[in-house]
C-alpha atoms as a PDB file:
ATOM      1  CA  MET A   1     -35.730  83.380  40.437  1.00  0.00           C
ATOM      2  CA  LYS A   2     -34.406  81.183  42.806  1.00  0.00           C
ATOM      3  CA  ILE A   3     -36.418  78.035  40.955  1.00  0.00           C
ATOM      4  CA  LEU A   4     -34.310  79.042  37.684  1.00  0.00           C
ATOM      5  CA  VAL A   5     -30.789  79.051  39.170  1.00  0.00           C
ATOM      6  CA  ILE A   6     -31.105  75.698  41.520  1.00  0.00           C
ATOM      7  CA  ALA A   7     -33.160  73.959  39.095  1.00  0.00           C
ATOM      8  CA  SER A   8     -29.279  75.593  36.980  1.00  0.00           C
ATOM      9  CA  LEU A   9     -27.607  73.589  39.079  1.00  0.00           C
ATOM     10  CA  GLY A  10     -28.629  70.157  38.707  1.00  0.00           C
ATOM     11  CA  LEU A  11     -28.526  70.019  35.707  1.00  0.00           C
ATOM     12  CA  LEU A  12     -24.739  71.551  35.109  1.00  0.00           C
ATOM     13  CA  SER A  13     -23.686  68.926  37.922  1.00  0.00           C
ATOM     14  CA  LEU A  14     -25.834  66.106  36.082  1.00  0.00           C
ATOM     15  CA  ALA A  15     -23.654  67.457  32.871  1.00  0.00           C
ATOM     16  CA  GLN A  16     -20.001  67.369  34.592  1.00  0.00           C
ATOM     17  CA  THR A  17     -21.519  63.604  35.541  1.00  0.00           C
ATOM     18  CA  PRO A  18     -20.253  62.175  31.988  1.00  0.00           C
ATOM     19  CA  LEU A  19     -16.880  64.102  31.755  1.00  0.00           C
ATOM     20  CA  ALA A  20     -16.073  62.876  34.945  1.00  0.00           C
ATOM     21  CA  VAL A  21     -16.235  59.272  32.928  1.00  0.00           C
ATOM     22  CA  ALA A  22     -14.614  60.042  30.313  1.00  0.00           C
ATOM     23  CA  GLU A  23     -11.591  61.130  32.276  1.00  0.00           C
ATOM     24  CA  ASN A  24     -11.437  58.120  34.447  1.00  0.00           C
ATOM     25  CA  SER A  25     -11.831  56.329  31.430  1.00  0.00           C
ATOM     26  CA  ASN A  26      -9.130  58.093  29.663  1.00  0.00           C
ATOM     27  CA  GLY A  27      -7.282  57.385  32.928  1.00  0.00           C
ATOM     28  CA  LYS A  28      -8.035  53.915  32.941  1.00  0.00           C
ATOM     29  CA  ASN A  29      -7.217  53.393  29.430  1.00  0.00           C
ATOM     30  CA  LEU A  30      -4.012  55.687  29.281  1.00  0.00           C
ATOM     31  CA  TYR A  31      -3.129  52.725  32.425  1.00  0.00           C
ATOM     32  CA  LEU A  32      -3.762  49.889  30.356  1.00  0.00           C
ATOM     33  CA  GLN A  33      -2.175  50.648  27.414  1.00  0.00           C
ATOM     34  CA  ARG A  34       0.890  52.102  28.802  1.00  0.00           C
ATOM     35  CA  CYS A  35       1.819  50.761  32.234  1.00  0.00           C
ATOM     36  CA  ALA A  36       0.263  47.971  33.153  1.00  0.00           C
ATOM     37  CA  MET A  37       2.241  45.589  30.731  1.00  0.00           C
ATOM     38  CA  CYS A  38       4.880  46.279  33.666  1.00  0.00           C
ATOM     39  CA  HIS A  39       2.580  47.259  36.929  1.00  0.00           C
ATOM     40  CA  GLY A  40      -0.328  44.790  36.175  1.00  0.00           C
ATOM     41  CA  ALA A  41      -3.535  45.681  35.920  1.00  0.00           C
ATOM     42  CA  ASP A  42      -3.587  45.502  39.783  1.00  0.00           C
ATOM     43  CA  ILE A  43      -0.842  48.133  39.842  1.00  0.00           C
ATOM     44  CA  LYS A  44       0.881  45.845  42.247  1.00  0.00           C
ATOM     45  CA  ALA A  45       4.060  44.411  39.674  1.00  0.00           C
ATOM     46  CA  THR A  46       2.375  42.318  38.641  1.00  0.00           C
ATOM     47  CA  GLY A  47       2.245  42.803  34.860  1.00  0.00           C
ATOM     48  CA  PRO A  48       4.344  40.344  32.499  1.00  0.00           C
ATOM     49  CA  LEU A  49       7.362  42.697  32.553  1.00  0.00           C
ATOM     50  CA  ALA A  50       7.321  43.300  36.231  1.00  0.00           C
ATOM     51  CA  HIS A  51      10.601  41.115  36.573  1.00  0.00           C
ATOM     52  CA  LYS A  52      12.168  42.143  33.455  1.00  0.00           C
ATOM     53  CA  SER A  53      13.603  45.154  34.883  1.00  0.00           C
ATOM     54  CA  THR A  54      16.225  45.894  37.247  1.00  0.00           C
ATOM     55  CA  PRO A  55      15.151  47.233  39.849  1.00  0.00           C
ATOM     56  CA  PRO A  56      12.215  45.158  38.991  1.00  0.00           C
ATOM     57  CA  THR A  57       9.411  46.821  39.002  1.00  0.00           C
ATOM     58  CA  PRO A  58       7.409  48.212  42.190  1.00  0.00           C
ATOM     59  CA  ASP A  59       4.319  47.805  43.318  1.00  0.00           C
ATOM     60  CA  LEU A  60       2.165  50.681  43.842  1.00  0.00           C
ATOM     61  CA  THR A  61      -0.609  50.018  46.168  1.00  0.00           C
ATOM     62  CA  THR A  62       2.055  50.130  49.402  1.00  0.00           C
ATOM     63  CA  ALA A  63       1.605  52.131  51.635  1.00  0.00           C
ATOM     64  CA  ALA A  64       4.542  54.539  51.417  1.00  0.00           C
ATOM     65  CA  PHE A  65       3.504  55.228  46.763  1.00  0.00           C
ATOM     66  CA  LYS A  66      -0.360  55.669  48.318  1.00  0.00           C
ATOM     67  CA  LYS A  67       1.474  58.897  51.139  1.00  0.00           C
ATOM     68  CA  ARG A  68       4.020  59.916  48.179  1.00  0.00           C
ATOM     69  CA  LEU A  69       0.833  59.762  45.611  1.00  0.00           C
ATOM     70  CA  SER A  70      -1.059  61.942  47.715  1.00  0.00           C
ATOM     71  CA  ASP A  71       1.536  63.955  49.094  1.00  0.00           C
ATOM     72  CA  TYR A  72       2.496  65.272  45.299  1.00  0.00           C
ATOM     73  CA  PRO A  73      -0.166  65.259  43.387  1.00  0.00           C
ATOM     74  CA  GLY A  74       0.463  64.584  39.691  1.00  0.00           C
ATOM     75  CA  VAL A  75       3.961  65.105  40.204  1.00  0.00           C
ATOM     76  CA  ILE A  76       4.989  60.985  40.671  1.00  0.00           C
ATOM     77  CA  VAL A  77       2.620  60.105  37.552  1.00  0.00           C
ATOM     78  CA  SER A  78       4.239  63.376  35.388  1.00  0.00           C
ATOM     79  CA  SER A  79       7.977  62.487  36.208  1.00  0.00           C
ATOM     80  CA  ILE A  80       7.911  59.258  35.633  1.00  0.00           C
ATOM     81  CA  ILE A  81       6.890  59.856  32.628  1.00  0.00           C
ATOM     82  CA  LEU A  82       7.659  62.680  31.469  1.00  0.00           C
ATOM     83  CA  ARG A  83      10.816  61.528  32.213  1.00  0.00           C
ATOM     84  CA  PRO A  84      12.036  58.195  33.013  1.00  0.00           C
ATOM     85  CA  ASN A  85      14.220  57.271  35.749  1.00  0.00           C
ATOM     86  CA  GLY A  86      17.259  57.151  33.258  1.00  0.00           C
ATOM     87  CA  ASP A  87      16.978  54.717  30.417  1.00  0.00           C
ATOM     88  CA  LEU A  88      15.065  52.182  32.451  1.00  0.00           C
ATOM     89  CA  ILE A  89      11.289  52.367  30.854  1.00  0.00           C
ATOM     90  CA  PRO A  90      12.568  52.183  27.474  1.00  0.00           C
ATOM     91  CA  ARG A  91      15.618  49.496  27.590  1.00  0.00           C
ATOM     92  CA  THR A  92      13.062  47.358  29.615  1.00  0.00           C
ATOM     93  CA  LEU A  93      10.912  47.177  26.665  1.00  0.00           C
ATOM     94  CA  ARG A  94      12.948  47.146  24.123  1.00  0.00           C
ATOM     95  CA  GLU A  95      15.119  44.258  25.589  1.00  0.00           C
ATOM     96  CA  ASN A  96      11.142  42.805  25.606  1.00  0.00           C
ATOM     97  CA  GLY A  97      10.692  43.313  22.105  1.00  0.00           C
ATOM     98  CA  VAL A  98       8.035  45.682  23.130  1.00  0.00           C
ATOM     99  CA  LYS A  99       7.033  48.301  20.551  1.00  0.00           C
ATOM    100  CA  LEU A 100       5.550  51.123  22.683  1.00  0.00           C
ATOM    101  CA  ALA A 101       3.536  54.312  19.744  1.00  0.00           C
ATOM    102  CA  PRO A 102       5.032  58.114  21.660  1.00  0.00           C
ATOM    103  CA  HIS A 103       1.575  59.734  23.003  1.00  0.00           C
ATOM    104  CA  ALA A 104       1.858  63.560  23.055  1.00  0.00           C
ATOM    105  CA  TRP A 105       1.105  63.451  26.309  1.00  0.00           C
ATOM    106  CA  SER A 106      -1.604  66.505  27.837  1.00  0.00           C
ATOM    107  CA  ILE A 107      -1.826  68.197  31.545  1.00  0.00           C
ATOM    108  CA  GLN A 108      -5.192  66.009  31.167  1.00  0.00           C
ATOM    109  CA  ASP A 109      -3.950  62.506  30.096  1.00  0.00           C
ATOM    110  CA  LEU A 110      -1.497  63.027  33.997  1.00  0.00           C
ATOM    111  CA  ARG A 111      -4.389  64.194  35.940  1.00  0.00           C
ATOM    112  CA  ASP A 112      -6.632  60.938  34.625  1.00  0.00           C
ATOM    113  CA  LEU A 113      -3.706  59.096  35.418  1.00  0.00           C
ATOM    114  CA  ASN A 114      -2.955  60.419  38.990  1.00  0.00           C
ATOM    115  CA  GLN A 115      -6.630  59.989  39.277  1.00  0.00           C
ATOM    116  CA  TYR A 116      -7.339  56.438  38.182  1.00  0.00           C
ATOM    117  CA  MET A 117      -4.094  55.069  39.740  1.00  0.00           C
ATOM    118  CA  GLY A 118      -5.160  56.168  42.899  1.00  0.00           C
ATOM    119  CA  GLY A 119      -8.749  55.012  43.040  1.00  0.00           C
ATOM    120  CA  VAL A 120      -7.123  51.749  42.006  1.00  0.00           C
ATOM    121  CA  ILE A 121      -4.902  52.055  45.089  1.00  0.00           C
ATOM    122  CA  SER A 122      -7.729  52.847  47.741  1.00  0.00           C
ATOM    123  CA  LYS A 123      -9.455  49.864  46.573  1.00  0.00           C
ATOM    124  CA  ALA A 124      -6.337  47.702  47.092  1.00  0.00           C
ATOM    125  CA  ARG A 125      -5.670  48.525  50.839  1.00  0.00           C
END
């Protein structure tokens, strides 16, 4: 009986590995499609629209942002996405001729994006 339980636990951990990769892939895809145009692939405000907004796009690899992301997991990401700073994001996209299709954000999307950004930020410093 113990062997069966241990074997089952081993299978469960193997089964979860591709799911974690898929979630991270979702976060990466969302970031590259919807955020990188301003924040850049490196999250350091190096995207083509980074300096075309007022205020300019912030570098998200700073210690202050990293702490906020850690202290309030998911809150920072979801608050920006679901309620942009006034009209800043849509206005910047509009003024620069960038058409971005609406996205029906799920809770998992927000979690995946938060996880992906946290991973990139931790590698950047």
